[in-house]
Amino acid sequence: MLVIGNFVATLVTNPIDVVLSKMLTQHPNDVNKVKYKGLIASLKTVYAEEGVWKFASGLHPRFMFNLFGAFMYLFMYNRFIETVNKLNL
């Protein structure tokens, strides 16, 4: 269930991360050349110029990173609960 939830969350939030990366890498000093302004406008621009498949770029590494983080969280949580139970708190 953890893997499915992680995959769904990654699918839903990856387009926002793609747009965020594009917004952060544009040159901020020249206001006339700012291409991505705001979330919705940037989503429309990326879709119009690069297509829907651009939103899937970087999906695999992000999924693997999130999955690793989730497993580490569960591992640490399990160790914490075991330690607390041993101390009889």
Protein backbone atom coordinates (compact mmCIF):
# COMPACT_ATOMS: atom_id res chain seq x y z
CA MET A 1 0.00 0.00 0.00
CA LEU A 2 2.93 2.32 0.72
CA VAL A 3 4.28 1.88 -2.80
CA ILE A 4 0.90 2.59 -4.42
CA GLY A 5 0.33 5.69 -2.31
CA ASN A 6 3.82 6.93 -3.07
CA PHE A 7 3.34 6.38 -6.79
CA VAL A 8 -0.01 8.20 -6.87
CA ALA A 9 1.37 11.14 -4.88
CA THR A 10 4.38 11.35 -7.19
CA LEU A 11 2.16 11.29 -10.30
CA VAL A 12 -0.04 14.07 -8.92
CA THR A 13 2.74 16.37 -7.75
CA ASN A 14 5.34 15.81 -10.49
CA PRO A 15 3.83 18.34 -12.94
CA ILE A 16 4.07 20.98 -10.23
CA ASP A 17 7.73 20.09 -9.64
CA VAL A 18 8.46 20.33 -13.38
CA VAL A 19 6.94 23.82 -13.51
CA LEU A 20 8.71 24.81 -10.28
CA SER A 21 12.06 23.78 -11.77
CA LYS A 22 11.39 25.81 -14.90
CA MET A 23 10.37 28.86 -12.85
CA LEU A 24 13.47 28.63 -10.66
CA THR A 25 15.92 28.23 -13.54
CA GLN A 26 14.78 31.19 -15.62
CA HIS A 27 16.86 34.34 -15.41
CA PRO A 28 15.20 36.68 -12.88
CA ASN A 29 17.12 39.88 -13.70
CA ASP A 30 15.50 40.56 -17.06
CA VAL A 31 11.79 41.05 -16.32
CA ASN A 32 10.91 41.22 -20.02
CA LYS A 33 12.27 37.72 -20.60
CA VAL A 34 10.45 36.03 -17.71
CA LYS A 35 8.56 33.23 -19.42
CA TYR A 36 6.94 31.42 -16.51
CA LYS A 37 4.70 33.53 -14.26
CA GLY A 38 2.47 31.74 -11.80
CA LEU A 39 1.52 28.10 -11.49
CA ILE A 40 -1.49 27.88 -13.81
CA ALA A 41 0.05 30.03 -16.55
CA SER A 42 3.27 28.02 -16.36
CA LEU A 43 1.39 24.71 -16.56
CA LYS A 44 -0.39 25.96 -19.68
CA THR A 45 2.88 27.18 -21.23
CA VAL A 46 4.70 23.90 -20.64
CA TYR A 47 1.76 21.91 -21.99
CA ALA A 48 1.46 24.08 -25.10
CA GLU A 49 5.18 24.12 -25.90
CA GLU A 50 6.39 20.68 -24.81
CA GLY A 51 3.30 18.49 -24.48
CA VAL A 52 1.86 16.35 -21.73
CA TRP A 53 4.88 14.00 -21.64
CA LYS A 54 7.09 16.79 -20.31
CA PHE A 55 5.17 16.58 -17.03
CA ALA A 56 6.42 13.00 -16.65
CA SER A 57 10.08 13.98 -16.95
CA GLY A 58 12.04 12.98 -13.88
CA LEU A 59 9.25 10.76 -12.63
CA HIS A 60 11.35 7.65 -12.04
CA PRO A 61 14.14 9.26 -9.97
CA ARG A 62 11.60 11.22 -7.93
CA PHE A 63 9.54 8.10 -7.27
CA MET A 64 12.62 6.18 -6.15
CA PHE A 65 13.74 9.04 -3.89
CA ASN A 66 10.30 9.30 -2.28
CA LEU A 67 10.07 5.54 -1.86
CA PHE A 68 13.48 5.43 -0.17
CA GLY A 69 12.43 8.25 2.17
CA ALA A 70 9.20 6.47 3.05
CA PHE A 71 11.02 3.24 3.85
CA MET A 72 13.55 5.08 5.99
CA TYR A 73 10.72 6.82 7.86
CA LEU A 74 8.97 3.51 8.56
CA PHE A 75 12.23 1.88 9.62
CA MET A 76 13.04 4.69 12.06
CA TYR A 77 9.46 4.74 13.37
CA ASN A 78 9.58 0.99 13.97
CA ARG A 79 12.92 1.25 15.82
CA PHE A 80 11.57 4.10 17.95
CA ILE A 81 8.47 2.11 18.93
CA GLU A 82 10.61 -0.92 19.79
CA THR A 83 12.88 1.21 21.97
CA VAL A 84 9.96 2.84 23.79
CA ASN A 85 8.36 -0.56 24.41
CA LYS A 86 11.64 -1.90 25.84
CA LEU A 87 11.78 1.03 28.25
CA ASN A 88 8.18 0.33 29.36
CA LEU A 89 7.10 3.95 29.05
